[in-house]
Structure formats: structure tokens, C-alpha cells
Amino acid sequence: MEREVTDADGTTWTCVQAFSGVSQDLEHQEAAKVKGEEAYWVVCTPSGGAQSVRVKLPKDWENMADEALLEAIAAA
């Protein structure tokens, strides 16, 4: 799953669940999970070539409000 959000500065962040591009098999889905939690590692890359960030998000992160996702990115 890929998701884009734009912050107040006009930077568009593209967020992708870790390992999602490798394969859709269960092994890679499990690799993206945070051990012992109902959460996934998600990598968010900003437009303009700045530094990507890795954030821990709830398993239903695709449905998070844009503001909540941007807060998680800012905290990283």
C-alpha cells in the first residue's frame, strides 16, 4: 500500500509499508510488522529528495487521518 500526504510546507510525503515492494507473500508482510505489537514499519519519503523517515504506525495506517500521519512523520 502506498499513500501520499502533503504537509503545511507543501512537501508531499510518499509512505510505503516496509518490504511491500519486495513481495506480497506472508513472509514479507510479517517482516514489516513491529515485533510484539499490532503495528507496521512504514517508510515515508519527501518530495525534493530530503531524508526519508521510518515510522511505526498502527496496522490500519492506511486509514489514519492525514494530520495523524503527518504528526508521526514530524516526530520521526
Protein backbone atom coordinates (compact mmCIF):
# COMPACT_ATOMS: atom_id res chain seq x y z
CA MET A 1 0.00 0.00 0.00
CA GLU A 2 1.26 3.46 -0.90
CA ARG A 3 -0.12 6.68 0.46
CA GLU A 4 0.69 10.36 -0.14
CA VAL A 5 0.14 13.28 2.23
CA THR A 6 1.17 16.93 1.92
CA ASP A 7 2.30 18.96 4.92
CA ALA A 8 1.79 22.67 5.62
CA ASP A 9 5.12 23.49 3.94
CA GLY A 10 3.95 21.93 0.67
CA THR A 11 6.17 18.85 0.97
CA THR A 12 4.47 15.73 -0.36
CA TRP A 13 5.36 12.59 1.57
CA THR A 14 5.01 9.19 -0.09
CA CYS A 15 4.61 6.46 2.51
CA VAL A 16 5.02 2.76 1.79
CA GLN A 17 4.85 -0.17 4.18
CA ALA A 18 8.33 -1.63 4.57
CA PHE A 19 9.00 -4.63 2.29
CA SER A 20 5.75 -4.08 0.36
CA GLY A 21 7.57 -3.77 -2.95
CA VAL A 22 9.51 -6.98 -2.45
CA SER A 23 6.64 -9.42 -2.50
CA GLN A 24 3.07 -9.79 -1.41
CA ASP A 25 3.76 -13.10 0.33
CA LEU A 26 3.15 -13.60 4.04
CA GLU A 27 6.86 -13.72 4.91
CA HIS A 28 7.43 -10.15 3.71
CA GLN A 29 4.21 -8.94 5.33
CA GLU A 30 5.46 -10.37 8.62
CA ALA A 31 8.87 -8.70 8.13
CA ALA A 32 7.19 -5.29 8.10
CA LYS A 33 5.43 -5.96 11.43
CA VAL A 34 6.81 -4.48 14.63
CA LYS A 35 7.62 -7.45 16.83
CA GLY A 36 5.13 -7.94 19.65
CA GLU A 37 2.83 -5.13 18.50
CA GLU A 38 -0.10 -4.60 16.17
CA ALA A 39 1.96 -2.12 14.14
CA TYR A 40 3.98 -1.90 10.94
CA TRP A 41 7.15 -0.14 9.87
CA VAL A 42 6.38 2.40 7.17
CA VAL A 43 8.96 4.37 5.16
CA CYS A 44 7.98 7.92 4.17
CA THR A 45 9.96 9.79 1.52
CA PRO A 46 9.52 13.52 0.95
CA SER A 47 9.40 15.26 -2.41
CA GLY A 48 12.54 17.22 -3.18
CA GLY A 49 14.99 14.49 -2.23
CA ALA A 50 15.22 15.17 1.50
CA GLN A 51 15.80 12.41 4.06
CA SER A 52 13.29 9.54 4.26
CA VAL A 53 11.96 8.55 7.66
CA ARG A 54 10.88 5.22 9.09
CA VAL A 55 7.84 5.37 11.34
CA LYS A 56 5.97 2.83 13.43
CA LEU A 57 2.28 3.03 12.62
CA PRO A 58 -0.82 1.05 13.62
CA LYS A 59 -1.80 -1.85 11.40
CA ASP A 60 -4.65 0.20 9.91
CA TRP A 61 -2.31 3.10 9.00
CA GLU A 62 -3.83 3.33 5.52
CA ASN A 63 -6.98 4.73 7.18
CA MET A 64 -5.25 7.20 9.51
CA ALA A 65 -6.22 10.86 9.24
CA ASP A 66 -3.69 12.85 7.20
CA GLU A 67 -2.93 15.01 10.24
CA ALA A 68 -2.09 11.97 12.38
CA LEU A 69 0.20 10.58 9.69
CA LEU A 70 1.96 13.94 9.32
CA GLU A 71 2.42 14.12 13.11
CA ALA A 72 4.07 10.69 13.10
CA ILE A 73 6.38 11.77 10.28
CA ALA A 74 7.29 15.01 12.09
CA ALA A 75 8.04 13.06 15.29
CA ALA A 76 10.44 10.80 13.41
